[in-house]
């Protein structure tokens, strides 16, 4: 319903019984519950909540993405150490928790805000600094994944590129070709599914939604 209302030029949060901030907090709790139910489902646990139809699209806000967050950070830098700046920081943290696409990136963006933003003196440099930071984190994440799963990094990187381009999950045999040693028959399915799932998580964090 909110998404429908927001298509009208007359839309104004002041006309609603809840504020944007309150809605964002409820959205965050909704997504936390959804993720909890999904985790239980993978562990084959019974729950009445599994019957709930979680329509994520209903709480997705198209105008909120990484590019938008970077704009907010530039404004935040200009209003640093002011009451307005404190309010903006709270809003940014709320958006990171409540937006569907940003949640997977929340931890890394919060780390950038905490460790790198204070060192930037010119708001115009935030975009470049974030781009370098994101690339560094992406490389580290890929290295960590390949080390933990005993994958050839170059081959696996190519497999990821193919997945991004085609949108199709790789065949298990293609995954196994990236391994330093082919797994036993008994463990092959488990290992193959785990690697594919980690690959999808990697793409979700570092690729999806990164283009403005």
N, C-alpha and C. Protein backbone atom coordinates (compact mmCIF):
# COMPACT_ATOMS: atom_id res chain seq x y z
N UNK A 1 0.84 -1.20 0.00
CA UNK A 1 0.00 0.00 0.00
C UNK A 1 0.87 1.26 0.00
N UNK A 2 1.92 1.26 0.81
CA UNK A 2 2.80 2.43 0.87
C UNK A 2 3.42 2.70 -0.50
N UNK A 3 3.86 1.65 -1.18
CA UNK A 3 4.47 1.83 -2.50
C UNK A 3 3.50 2.46 -3.48
N UNK A 4 2.22 2.11 -3.35
CA UNK A 4 1.19 2.70 -4.22
C UNK A 4 1.01 4.17 -3.88
N UNK A 5 0.91 4.49 -2.59
CA UNK A 5 0.73 5.87 -2.16
C UNK A 5 1.87 6.76 -2.62
N UNK A 6 3.08 6.22 -2.60
CA UNK A 6 4.26 7.03 -2.93
C UNK A 6 4.37 7.35 -4.42
N UNK A 7 3.52 6.76 -5.22
CA UNK A 7 3.52 7.09 -6.65
C UNK A 7 2.77 8.40 -6.91
N UNK A 8 2.03 8.88 -5.93
CA UNK A 8 1.27 10.12 -6.10
C UNK A 8 2.10 11.33 -5.67
N UNK A 9 2.00 12.38 -6.43
CA UNK A 9 2.75 13.60 -6.14
C UNK A 9 2.34 14.19 -4.79
N UNK A 10 1.09 13.95 -4.38
CA UNK A 10 0.57 14.51 -3.14
C UNK A 10 1.04 13.77 -1.90
N UNK A 11 1.78 12.67 -2.09
CA UNK A 11 2.19 11.87 -0.95
C UNK A 11 3.00 12.70 0.05
N UNK A 12 2.65 12.56 1.33
CA UNK A 12 3.34 13.28 2.39
C UNK A 12 3.29 12.41 3.64
N UNK A 13 4.45 12.11 4.20
CA UNK A 13 4.51 11.28 5.40
C UNK A 13 3.68 11.87 6.54
N UNK A 14 3.54 13.20 6.55
CA UNK A 14 2.80 13.85 7.65
C UNK A 14 1.32 13.50 7.65
N UNK A 15 0.84 12.98 6.52
CA UNK A 15 -0.56 12.59 6.43
C UNK A 15 -0.81 11.17 6.95
N UNK A 16 0.26 10.46 7.25
CA UNK A 16 0.14 9.08 7.69
C UNK A 16 0.23 8.98 9.21
N UNK A 17 -0.32 7.91 9.80
CA UNK A 17 -0.29 7.75 11.26
C UNK A 17 1.08 7.34 11.80
N UNK A 18 2.02 7.00 10.89
CA UNK A 18 3.39 6.65 11.31
C UNK A 18 4.38 7.49 10.52
N UNK A 19 5.55 7.71 11.11
CA UNK A 19 6.59 8.48 10.43
C UNK A 19 7.45 7.55 9.57
N UNK A 20 8.27 8.15 8.73
CA UNK A 20 9.21 7.39 7.90
C UNK A 20 10.14 6.57 8.79
N UNK A 21 10.58 7.16 9.90
CA UNK A 21 11.50 6.50 10.81
C UNK A 21 10.85 5.26 11.44
N UNK A 22 9.61 5.41 11.89
CA UNK A 22 8.89 4.28 12.51
C UNK A 22 8.67 3.17 11.49
N UNK A 23 8.30 3.55 10.28
CA UNK A 23 8.10 2.55 9.23
C UNK A 23 9.39 1.79 8.95
N UNK A 24 10.51 2.50 8.92
CA UNK A 24 11.81 1.87 8.68
C UNK A 24 12.14 0.88 9.78
N UNK A 25 11.81 1.23 11.04
CA UNK A 25 12.08 0.34 12.17
C UNK A 25 11.24 -0.93 12.08
N UNK A 26 9.96 -0.78 11.71
CA UNK A 26 9.10 -1.95 11.53
C UNK A 26 9.60 -2.83 10.38
N UNK A 27 10.06 -2.17 9.32
CA UNK A 27 10.58 -2.91 8.17
C UNK A 27 11.79 -3.73 8.57
N UNK A 28 12.67 -3.13 9.38
CA UNK A 28 13.86 -3.83 9.84
C UNK A 28 13.48 -5.07 10.65
N UNK A 29 12.49 -4.92 11.54
CA UNK A 29 12.05 -6.06 12.35
C UNK A 29 11.42 -7.14 11.46
N UNK A 30 10.67 -6.71 10.45
CA UNK A 30 10.05 -7.64 9.51
C UNK A 30 11.11 -8.46 8.79
N UNK A 31 12.17 -7.81 8.33
CA UNK A 31 13.23 -8.51 7.61
C UNK A 31 14.02 -9.42 8.54
N UNK A 32 14.21 -9.00 9.81
CA UNK A 32 14.88 -9.87 10.77
C UNK A 32 14.09 -11.15 10.97
N UNK A 33 12.76 -11.01 11.06
CA UNK A 33 11.89 -12.17 11.25
C UNK A 33 11.93 -13.07 10.03
N UNK A 34 11.92 -12.45 8.85
CA UNK A 34 11.98 -13.22 7.60
C UNK A 34 13.26 -14.05 7.52
N UNK A 35 14.40 -13.42 7.85
CA UNK A 35 15.67 -14.12 7.80
C UNK A 35 15.73 -15.24 8.82
N UNK A 36 15.10 -15.01 9.99
CA UNK A 36 15.07 -16.04 11.03
C UNK A 36 14.29 -17.26 10.57
N UNK A 37 13.14 -17.02 9.94
CA UNK A 37 12.31 -18.11 9.43
C UNK A 37 13.03 -18.87 8.33
N UNK A 38 13.72 -18.15 7.45
CA UNK A 38 14.46 -18.81 6.37
C UNK A 38 15.56 -19.69 6.93
N UNK A 39 16.26 -19.23 7.96
CA UNK A 39 17.32 -20.03 8.57
C UNK A 39 16.75 -21.29 9.19
N UNK A 40 15.59 -21.17 9.84
CA UNK A 40 14.94 -22.34 10.43
C UNK A 40 14.54 -23.33 9.36
N UNK A 41 14.09 -22.78 8.22
CA UNK A 41 13.67 -23.65 7.13
C UNK A 41 14.81 -24.50 6.61
N UNK A 42 16.01 -23.91 6.54
CA UNK A 42 17.16 -24.66 6.04
C UNK A 42 17.58 -25.75 7.01
N UNK A 43 17.19 -25.59 8.28
CA UNK A 43 17.53 -26.58 9.29
C UNK A 43 16.38 -27.57 9.50
N UNK A 44 15.36 -27.45 8.65
CA UNK A 44 14.23 -28.38 8.66
C UNK A 44 13.48 -28.33 9.99
N UNK A 45 13.35 -27.13 10.56
CA UNK A 45 12.59 -26.97 11.79
C UNK A 45 11.15 -26.59 11.45
N UNK A 46 10.22 -27.03 12.28
CA UNK A 46 8.82 -26.71 12.07
C UNK A 46 8.50 -25.37 12.70
N UNK A 47 7.71 -24.56 12.01
CA UNK A 47 7.30 -23.28 12.56
C UNK A 47 6.05 -22.81 11.85
N UNK A 48 5.11 -22.31 12.60
CA UNK A 48 3.88 -21.79 12.00
C UNK A 48 4.18 -20.58 11.14
N UNK A 49 5.29 -19.90 11.43
CA UNK A 49 5.66 -18.72 10.66
C UNK A 49 6.06 -19.07 9.24
N UNK A 50 6.39 -20.34 8.97
CA UNK A 50 6.81 -20.73 7.64
C UNK A 50 5.67 -20.61 6.64
N UNK A 51 4.42 -20.51 7.16
CA UNK A 51 3.27 -20.37 6.27
C UNK A 51 3.06 -18.93 5.84
N UNK A 52 3.82 -18.00 6.45
CA UNK A 52 3.67 -16.60 6.08
C UNK A 52 4.29 -16.35 4.72
N UNK A 53 3.59 -15.63 3.87
CA UNK A 53 4.12 -15.30 2.55
C UNK A 53 4.90 -14.00 2.65
N UNK A 54 6.20 -14.11 2.77
CA UNK A 54 7.03 -12.93 2.92
C UNK A 54 7.27 -12.28 1.57
N UNK A 55 6.52 -11.25 1.26
CA UNK A 55 6.68 -10.53 0.00
C UNK A 55 7.64 -9.37 0.20
N UNK A 56 8.91 -9.64 -0.02
CA UNK A 56 9.93 -8.63 0.22
C UNK A 56 9.72 -7.39 -0.63
N UNK A 57 9.15 -7.58 -1.81
CA UNK A 57 8.97 -6.45 -2.72
C UNK A 57 8.10 -5.36 -2.09
N UNK A 58 7.26 -5.74 -1.15
CA UNK A 58 6.36 -4.77 -0.53
C UNK A 58 7.11 -3.78 0.37
N UNK A 59 8.30 -4.17 0.83
CA UNK A 59 9.03 -3.27 1.71
C UNK A 59 10.27 -2.72 1.02
N UNK A 60 10.43 -3.01 -0.27
CA UNK A 60 11.59 -2.53 -1.01
C UNK A 60 11.36 -1.10 -1.49
N UNK A 61 12.35 -0.24 -1.29
CA UNK A 61 12.24 1.15 -1.74
C UNK A 61 13.24 1.36 -2.85
N UNK A 62 12.73 1.55 -4.08
CA UNK A 62 13.60 1.62 -5.25
C UNK A 62 14.59 2.78 -5.21
N UNK A 63 14.22 3.86 -4.52
CA UNK A 63 15.09 5.02 -4.55
C UNK A 63 16.28 4.88 -3.60
N UNK A 64 16.29 3.86 -2.75
CA UNK A 64 17.36 3.67 -1.79
C UNK A 64 18.34 2.63 -2.32
N UNK A 65 19.57 3.07 -2.60
CA UNK A 65 20.62 2.15 -3.05
C UNK A 65 21.95 2.68 -2.54
N UNK A 66 23.04 2.04 -2.95
CA UNK A 66 24.36 2.45 -2.48
C UNK A 66 24.67 3.88 -2.89
N UNK A 67 24.32 4.24 -4.12
CA UNK A 67 24.58 5.59 -4.60
C UNK A 67 23.86 6.63 -3.73
N UNK A 68 22.65 6.31 -3.33
CA UNK A 68 21.87 7.21 -2.47
C UNK A 68 22.53 7.34 -1.09
N UNK A 69 23.00 6.22 -0.57
CA UNK A 69 23.67 6.24 0.73
C UNK A 69 24.92 7.11 0.67
N UNK A 70 25.66 7.02 -0.42
CA UNK A 70 26.87 7.83 -0.56
C UNK A 70 26.54 9.32 -0.61
N UNK A 71 25.42 9.67 -1.23
CA UNK A 71 24.98 11.07 -1.23
C UNK A 71 24.66 11.53 0.19
N UNK A 72 24.00 10.65 0.94
CA UNK A 72 23.68 10.98 2.33
C UNK A 72 24.96 11.15 3.15
N UNK A 73 25.96 10.32 2.87
CA UNK A 73 27.22 10.43 3.60
C UNK A 73 27.93 11.75 3.30
N UNK A 74 27.82 12.21 2.07
CA UNK A 74 28.41 13.50 1.71
C UNK A 74 27.72 14.62 2.48
N UNK A 75 26.40 14.55 2.56
CA UNK A 75 25.65 15.55 3.32
C UNK A 75 25.99 15.44 4.81
N UNK A 76 26.12 14.20 5.27
CA UNK A 76 26.46 13.98 6.68
C UNK A 76 27.81 14.60 7.02
N UNK A 77 28.77 14.46 6.11
CA UNK A 77 30.10 15.01 6.35
C UNK A 77 30.05 16.53 6.49
N UNK A 78 29.18 17.15 5.71
CA UNK A 78 29.06 18.60 5.76
C UNK A 78 28.37 19.07 7.04
N UNK A 79 27.57 18.17 7.62
CA UNK A 79 26.83 18.53 8.83
C UNK A 79 27.40 17.84 10.07
N UNK A 80 28.64 17.39 9.96
CA UNK A 80 29.27 16.65 11.04
C UNK A 80 29.29 17.47 12.32
N UNK A 81 29.07 16.77 13.45
CA UNK A 81 29.09 17.38 14.79
C UNK A 81 27.96 18.38 15.02
N UNK A 82 26.90 18.28 14.24
CA UNK A 82 25.72 19.10 14.46
C UNK A 82 24.53 18.19 14.77
N UNK A 83 23.45 18.78 15.30
CA UNK A 83 22.25 17.99 15.60
C UNK A 83 21.67 17.39 14.31
N UNK A 84 21.73 18.17 13.24
CA UNK A 84 21.24 17.67 11.96
C UNK A 84 22.07 16.48 11.50
N UNK A 85 23.38 16.56 11.70
CA UNK A 85 24.27 15.48 11.32
C UNK A 85 23.97 14.20 12.10
N UNK A 86 23.69 14.34 13.39
CA UNK A 86 23.36 13.19 14.22
C UNK A 86 22.07 12.53 13.75
N UNK A 87 21.10 13.36 13.36
CA UNK A 87 19.83 12.83 12.86
C UNK A 87 20.04 12.11 11.54
N UNK A 88 20.89 12.66 10.69
CA UNK A 88 21.17 12.03 9.40
C UNK A 88 21.88 10.70 9.57
N UNK A 89 22.81 10.62 10.51
CA UNK A 89 23.50 9.37 10.78
C UNK A 89 22.51 8.29 11.23
N UNK A 90 21.56 8.69 12.07
CA UNK A 90 20.55 7.75 12.54
C UNK A 90 19.69 7.26 11.38
N UNK A 91 19.35 8.18 10.47
CA UNK A 91 18.55 7.82 9.32
C UNK A 91 19.30 6.84 8.41
N UNK A 92 20.58 7.08 8.21
CA UNK A 92 21.39 6.21 7.37
C UNK A 92 21.45 4.80 7.96
N UNK A 93 21.68 4.70 9.25
CA UNK A 93 21.75 3.40 9.90
C UNK A 93 20.40 2.67 9.81
N UNK A 94 19.33 3.43 9.90
CA UNK A 94 18.00 2.85 9.79
C UNK A 94 17.76 2.31 8.38
N UNK A 95 18.19 3.06 7.37
CA UNK A 95 18.03 2.62 5.98
C UNK A 95 18.83 1.35 5.72
N UNK A 96 20.02 1.27 6.27
CA UNK A 96 20.87 0.09 6.07
C UNK A 96 20.23 -1.15 6.67
N UNK A 97 19.42 -0.98 7.71
CA UNK A 97 18.77 -2.11 8.35
C UNK A 97 17.46 -2.49 7.68
N UNK A 98 16.79 -1.50 7.09
CA UNK A 98 15.44 -1.74 6.60
C UNK A 98 15.33 -2.00 5.11
N UNK A 99 16.33 -1.60 4.32
CA UNK A 99 16.23 -1.80 2.88
C UNK A 99 16.72 -3.19 2.50
N UNK A 100 15.95 -3.87 1.65
CA UNK A 100 16.24 -5.26 1.28
C UNK A 100 17.62 -5.42 0.66
N UNK A 101 17.93 -4.60 -0.34
CA UNK A 101 19.20 -4.75 -1.05
C UNK A 101 20.40 -4.33 -0.21
N UNK A 102 20.20 -3.36 0.68
CA UNK A 102 21.32 -2.84 1.45
C UNK A 102 21.69 -3.71 2.65
N UNK A 103 20.77 -4.54 3.11
CA UNK A 103 21.03 -5.33 4.31
C UNK A 103 22.25 -6.24 4.17
N UNK A 104 22.42 -6.80 2.98
CA UNK A 104 23.57 -7.68 2.76
C UNK A 104 24.89 -6.91 2.79
N UNK A 105 24.81 -5.60 2.55
CA UNK A 105 26.00 -4.75 2.50
C UNK A 105 26.18 -3.94 3.78
N UNK A 106 25.25 -4.07 4.69
CA UNK A 106 25.20 -3.21 5.88
C UNK A 106 26.50 -3.24 6.69
N UNK A 107 26.99 -4.41 6.99
CA UNK A 107 28.18 -4.53 7.85
C UNK A 107 29.37 -3.80 7.24
N UNK A 108 29.58 -3.97 5.94
CA UNK A 108 30.72 -3.33 5.29
C UNK A 108 30.54 -1.82 5.17
N UNK A 109 29.32 -1.37 4.90
CA UNK A 109 29.08 0.07 4.81
C UNK A 109 29.24 0.72 6.18
N UNK A 110 28.75 0.06 7.21
CA UNK A 110 28.91 0.60 8.56
C UNK A 110 30.39 0.67 8.95
N UNK A 111 31.17 -0.31 8.50
CA UNK A 111 32.61 -0.29 8.77
C UNK A 111 33.26 0.90 8.06
N UNK A 112 32.83 1.17 6.83
CA UNK A 112 33.36 2.32 6.09
C UNK A 112 33.03 3.61 6.83
N UNK A 113 31.80 3.72 7.32
CA UNK A 113 31.37 4.92 8.03
C UNK A 113 32.19 5.12 9.31
N UNK A 114 32.43 4.02 10.02
CA UNK A 114 33.13 4.11 11.31
C UNK A 114 34.63 4.32 11.16
N UNK A 115 35.25 3.66 10.19
CA UNK A 115 36.71 3.66 10.10
C UNK A 115 37.29 4.59 9.04
N UNK A 116 36.56 4.85 7.98
CA UNK A 116 37.11 5.62 6.87
C UNK A 116 36.52 7.02 6.73
N UNK A 117 35.23 7.15 6.97
CA UNK A 117 34.59 8.45 6.81
C UNK A 117 35.22 9.54 7.66
N UNK A 118 35.58 9.25 8.93
CA UNK A 118 36.19 10.31 9.76
C UNK A 118 37.50 10.84 9.19
N UNK A 119 38.21 10.06 8.37
CA UNK A 119 39.50 10.46 7.83
C UNK A 119 39.37 11.31 6.56
N UNK A 120 38.15 11.37 6.00
CA UNK A 120 37.92 12.11 4.76
C UNK A 120 37.55 13.55 5.10
N UNK A 121 38.31 14.49 4.58
CA UNK A 121 38.05 15.90 4.89
C UNK A 121 37.16 16.57 3.84
N UNK A 122 37.24 16.10 2.60
CA UNK A 122 36.46 16.68 1.52
C UNK A 122 35.31 15.75 1.15
N UNK A 123 34.05 16.17 1.34
CA UNK A 123 32.91 15.32 0.99
C UNK A 123 32.93 14.83 -0.46
N UNK A 124 33.54 15.59 -1.35
CA UNK A 124 33.60 15.22 -2.76
C UNK A 124 34.48 13.98 -2.99
N UNK A 125 35.29 13.62 -1.99
CA UNK A 125 36.19 12.49 -2.12
C UNK A 125 35.57 11.18 -1.60
N UNK A 126 34.38 11.28 -1.05
CA UNK A 126 33.74 10.10 -0.46
C UNK A 126 33.51 9.00 -1.49
N UNK A 127 33.02 9.37 -2.67
CA UNK A 127 32.75 8.38 -3.73
C UNK A 127 34.00 7.59 -4.08
N UNK A 128 35.11 8.29 -4.33
CA UNK A 128 36.36 7.62 -4.70
C UNK A 128 36.88 6.75 -3.56
N UNK A 129 36.80 7.27 -2.35
CA UNK A 129 37.28 6.52 -1.19
C UNK A 129 36.45 5.25 -0.98
N UNK A 130 35.14 5.36 -1.18
CA UNK A 130 34.28 4.20 -1.00
C UNK A 130 34.53 3.16 -2.10
N UNK A 131 34.73 3.63 -3.33
CA UNK A 131 35.00 2.71 -4.44
C UNK A 131 36.25 1.89 -4.17
N UNK A 132 37.32 2.55 -3.71
CA UNK A 132 38.57 1.85 -3.39
C UNK A 132 38.35 0.89 -2.22
N UNK A 133 37.67 1.34 -1.20
CA UNK A 133 37.38 0.51 -0.03
C UNK A 133 36.60 -0.74 -0.44
N UNK A 134 35.58 -0.55 -1.28
CA UNK A 134 34.72 -1.66 -1.70
C UNK A 134 35.50 -2.69 -2.52
N UNK A 135 36.36 -2.21 -3.39
CA UNK A 135 37.18 -3.12 -4.19
C UNK A 135 38.15 -3.90 -3.31
N UNK A 136 38.75 -3.22 -2.34
CA UNK A 136 39.65 -3.90 -1.41
C UNK A 136 38.92 -5.00 -0.63
N UNK A 137 37.72 -4.67 -0.17
CA UNK A 137 36.93 -5.65 0.59
C UNK A 137 36.50 -6.81 -0.29
N UNK A 138 36.19 -6.51 -1.54
CA UNK A 138 35.77 -7.56 -2.48
C UNK A 138 36.91 -8.55 -2.72
N UNK A 139 38.11 -8.02 -2.93
CA UNK A 139 39.27 -8.87 -3.16
C UNK A 139 39.55 -9.74 -1.94
N UNK A 140 39.50 -9.14 -0.76
CA UNK A 140 39.74 -9.89 0.48
C UNK A 140 38.70 -10.98 0.68
N UNK A 141 37.44 -10.67 0.38
CA UNK A 141 36.37 -11.65 0.55
C UNK A 141 36.55 -12.83 -0.40
N UNK A 142 36.95 -12.54 -1.63
CA UNK A 142 37.17 -13.61 -2.61
C UNK A 142 38.35 -14.49 -2.18
N UNK A 143 39.42 -13.86 -1.72
CA UNK A 143 40.58 -14.61 -1.25
C UNK A 143 40.21 -15.52 -0.08
N UNK A 144 39.44 -14.98 0.86
CA UNK A 144 39.03 -15.74 2.04
C UNK A 144 38.15 -16.92 1.64
N UNK A 145 37.21 -16.68 0.74
CA UNK A 145 36.32 -17.75 0.29
C UNK A 145 37.11 -18.88 -0.37
N UNK A 146 38.03 -18.51 -1.25
CA UNK A 146 38.81 -19.51 -1.98
C UNK A 146 39.75 -20.29 -1.06
N UNK A 147 40.32 -19.61 -0.08
CA UNK A 147 41.20 -20.29 0.87
C UNK A 147 40.42 -21.28 1.73
N UNK A 148 39.25 -20.86 2.19
CA UNK A 148 38.46 -21.72 3.07
C UNK A 148 37.88 -22.92 2.33
N UNK A 149 37.56 -22.75 1.06
CA UNK A 149 36.96 -23.84 0.29
C UNK A 149 37.98 -24.56 -0.61
N UNK A 150 39.24 -24.14 -0.53
CA UNK A 150 40.32 -24.76 -1.32
C UNK A 150 40.02 -24.68 -2.83
N UNK A 151 39.76 -23.45 -3.26
CA UNK A 151 39.43 -23.19 -4.66
C UNK A 151 40.56 -22.47 -5.36
N UNK A 152 40.72 -22.76 -6.66
CA UNK A 152 41.64 -22.00 -7.48
C UNK A 152 40.99 -20.63 -7.72
N UNK A 153 41.63 -19.56 -7.23
CA UNK A 153 40.99 -18.24 -7.25
C UNK A 153 40.69 -17.74 -8.66
N UNK A 154 41.60 -17.94 -9.59
CA UNK A 154 41.40 -17.46 -10.96
C UNK A 154 40.23 -18.18 -11.62
N UNK A 155 40.18 -19.50 -11.47
CA UNK A 155 39.09 -20.27 -12.07
C UNK A 155 37.75 -19.91 -11.44
N UNK A 156 37.76 -19.75 -10.11
CA UNK A 156 36.51 -19.45 -9.42
C UNK A 156 36.02 -18.05 -9.77
N UNK A 157 36.95 -17.11 -9.94
CA UNK A 157 36.58 -15.75 -10.34
C UNK A 157 35.91 -15.77 -11.71
N UNK A 158 36.42 -16.60 -12.61
CA UNK A 158 35.81 -16.74 -13.93
C UNK A 158 34.42 -17.35 -13.83
N UNK A 159 34.26 -18.29 -12.91
CA UNK A 159 32.95 -18.92 -12.70
C UNK A 159 31.94 -17.89 -12.19
N UNK A 160 32.39 -17.02 -11.30
CA UNK A 160 31.53 -15.97 -10.78
C UNK A 160 31.10 -15.02 -11.90
N UNK A 161 32.04 -14.65 -12.75
CA UNK A 161 31.74 -13.76 -13.87
C UNK A 161 30.68 -14.38 -14.79
N UNK A 162 30.80 -15.68 -15.02
CA UNK A 162 29.82 -16.38 -15.87
C UNK A 162 28.45 -16.36 -15.21
N UNK A 163 28.42 -16.54 -13.90
CA UNK A 163 27.16 -16.53 -13.16
C UNK A 163 26.51 -15.15 -13.23
N UNK A 164 27.31 -14.11 -13.05
CA UNK A 164 26.79 -12.73 -13.11
C UNK A 164 26.23 -12.43 -14.50
N UNK A 165 26.94 -12.87 -15.52
CA UNK A 165 26.53 -12.60 -16.90
C UNK A 165 25.28 -13.36 -17.30
N UNK A 166 25.21 -14.65 -16.93
CA UNK A 166 24.11 -15.50 -17.37
C UNK A 166 22.93 -15.54 -16.40
N UNK A 167 23.22 -15.33 -15.11
CA UNK A 167 22.17 -15.43 -14.12
C UNK A 167 21.82 -16.87 -13.78
N UNK A 168 22.57 -17.81 -14.34
CA UNK A 168 22.32 -19.23 -14.11
C UNK A 168 23.35 -19.81 -13.15
N UNK A 169 22.87 -20.57 -12.19
CA UNK A 169 23.80 -21.22 -11.26
C UNK A 169 24.71 -22.17 -12.02
N UNK A 170 25.98 -22.21 -11.65
CA UNK A 170 26.92 -23.11 -12.35
C UNK A 170 26.62 -24.57 -12.05
N UNK A 171 26.97 -25.43 -12.99
CA UNK A 171 26.83 -26.86 -12.78
C UNK A 171 27.82 -27.30 -11.71
N UNK A 172 27.46 -28.33 -10.96
CA UNK A 172 28.35 -28.80 -9.91
C UNK A 172 29.71 -29.22 -10.47
N UNK A 173 29.72 -29.81 -11.66
CA UNK A 173 30.99 -30.22 -12.26
C UNK A 173 31.89 -29.01 -12.52
N UNK A 174 31.30 -27.89 -12.90
CA UNK A 174 32.09 -26.67 -13.12
C UNK A 174 32.65 -26.14 -11.80
N UNK A 175 31.88 -26.31 -10.73
CA UNK A 175 32.36 -25.91 -9.41
C UNK A 175 33.53 -26.79 -9.00
N UNK A 176 33.36 -28.10 -9.21
CA UNK A 176 34.40 -29.05 -8.81
C UNK A 176 35.72 -28.82 -9.56
N UNK A 177 35.63 -28.30 -10.78
CA UNK A 177 36.85 -28.02 -11.56
C UNK A 177 37.68 -26.92 -10.92
N UNK A 178 37.04 -26.10 -10.08
CA UNK A 178 37.76 -25.02 -9.41
C UNK A 178 38.44 -25.49 -8.12
N UNK A 179 38.08 -26.68 -7.66
CA UNK A 179 38.65 -27.21 -6.42
C UNK A 179 40.05 -27.75 -6.65
N UNK A 180 40.86 -27.63 -5.61
CA UNK A 180 42.21 -28.16 -5.70
C UNK A 180 42.19 -29.69 -5.76
N UNK A 181 41.17 -30.28 -5.11
CA UNK A 181 41.00 -31.74 -5.16
C UNK A 181 39.51 -32.06 -5.22
N UNK A 182 39.13 -32.94 -6.11
CA UNK A 182 37.71 -33.28 -6.26
C UNK A 182 37.23 -34.01 -5.01
N UNK A 183 36.08 -33.63 -4.46
CA UNK A 183 35.58 -34.27 -3.23
C UNK A 183 35.09 -35.69 -3.47
N UNK A 184 34.98 -36.44 -2.39
CA UNK A 184 34.48 -37.80 -2.49
C UNK A 184 33.00 -37.77 -2.87
N UNK A 185 32.52 -38.88 -3.35
CA UNK A 185 31.11 -38.98 -3.75
C UNK A 185 30.18 -38.63 -2.60
N UNK A 186 30.54 -39.06 -1.40
CA UNK A 186 29.68 -38.84 -0.23
C UNK A 186 29.59 -37.37 0.15
N UNK A 187 30.64 -36.61 -0.10
CA UNK A 187 30.67 -35.20 0.30
C UNK A 187 30.45 -34.23 -0.86
N UNK A 188 30.43 -34.75 -2.08
CA UNK A 188 30.36 -33.88 -3.26
C UNK A 188 29.14 -32.97 -3.26
N UNK A 189 27.97 -33.50 -2.99
CA UNK A 189 26.75 -32.69 -3.03
C UNK A 189 26.78 -31.58 -1.99
N UNK A 190 27.17 -31.93 -0.77
CA UNK A 190 27.21 -30.94 0.30
C UNK A 190 28.20 -29.82 -0.01
N UNK A 191 29.37 -30.18 -0.46
CA UNK A 191 30.41 -29.20 -0.77
C UNK A 191 30.00 -28.33 -1.95
N UNK A 192 29.44 -28.96 -2.99
CA UNK A 192 29.03 -28.21 -4.17
C UNK A 192 27.95 -27.19 -3.85
N UNK A 193 26.95 -27.60 -3.07
CA UNK A 193 25.86 -26.70 -2.71
C UNK A 193 26.35 -25.57 -1.82
N UNK A 194 27.28 -25.88 -0.92
CA UNK A 194 27.81 -24.84 -0.02
C UNK A 194 28.59 -23.79 -0.80
N UNK A 195 29.40 -24.24 -1.74
CA UNK A 195 30.20 -23.29 -2.52
C UNK A 195 29.31 -22.41 -3.38
N UNK A 196 28.29 -23.00 -4.01
CA UNK A 196 27.37 -22.21 -4.84
C UNK A 196 26.64 -21.18 -3.99
N UNK A 197 26.23 -21.58 -2.80
CA UNK A 197 25.52 -20.65 -1.91
C UNK A 197 26.44 -19.51 -1.49
N UNK A 198 27.68 -19.81 -1.19
CA UNK A 198 28.63 -18.76 -0.80
C UNK A 198 28.94 -17.85 -1.99
N UNK A 199 28.96 -18.41 -3.18
CA UNK A 199 29.19 -17.61 -4.38
C UNK A 199 28.03 -16.61 -4.56
N UNK A 200 26.81 -17.08 -4.36
CA UNK A 200 25.63 -16.23 -4.51
C UNK A 200 25.63 -15.12 -3.46
N UNK A 201 26.05 -15.45 -2.25
CA UNK A 201 26.13 -14.44 -1.19
C UNK A 201 27.18 -13.38 -1.53
N UNK A 202 28.29 -13.83 -2.08
CA UNK A 202 29.37 -12.92 -2.49
C UNK A 202 28.86 -11.94 -3.55
N UNK A 203 28.14 -12.45 -4.54
CA UNK A 203 27.60 -11.61 -5.61
C UNK A 203 26.56 -10.65 -5.05
N UNK A 204 25.74 -11.13 -4.13
CA UNK A 204 24.71 -10.29 -3.53
C UNK A 204 25.32 -9.10 -2.80
N UNK A 205 26.42 -9.34 -2.12
CA UNK A 205 27.07 -8.28 -1.35
C UNK A 205 27.83 -7.31 -2.24
N UNK A 206 28.66 -7.85 -3.12
CA UNK A 206 29.63 -7.00 -3.82
C UNK A 206 29.22 -6.58 -5.24
N UNK A 207 28.19 -7.19 -5.80
CA UNK A 207 27.82 -6.88 -7.18
C UNK A 207 26.42 -6.31 -7.30
N UNK A 208 25.42 -7.01 -6.77
CA UNK A 208 24.04 -6.57 -6.91
C UNK A 208 23.81 -5.19 -6.31
N UNK A 209 23.19 -4.32 -7.09
CA UNK A 209 22.83 -3.00 -6.58
C UNK A 209 23.96 -2.01 -6.46
N UNK A 210 25.13 -2.36 -6.99
CA UNK A 210 26.27 -1.45 -6.87
C UNK A 210 26.33 -0.43 -7.99
N UNK A 211 25.59 -0.65 -9.07
CA UNK A 211 25.57 0.30 -10.18
C UNK A 211 24.47 1.30 -9.95
N UNK A 212 24.81 2.57 -9.96
CA UNK A 212 23.81 3.62 -9.70
C UNK A 212 22.82 3.70 -10.83
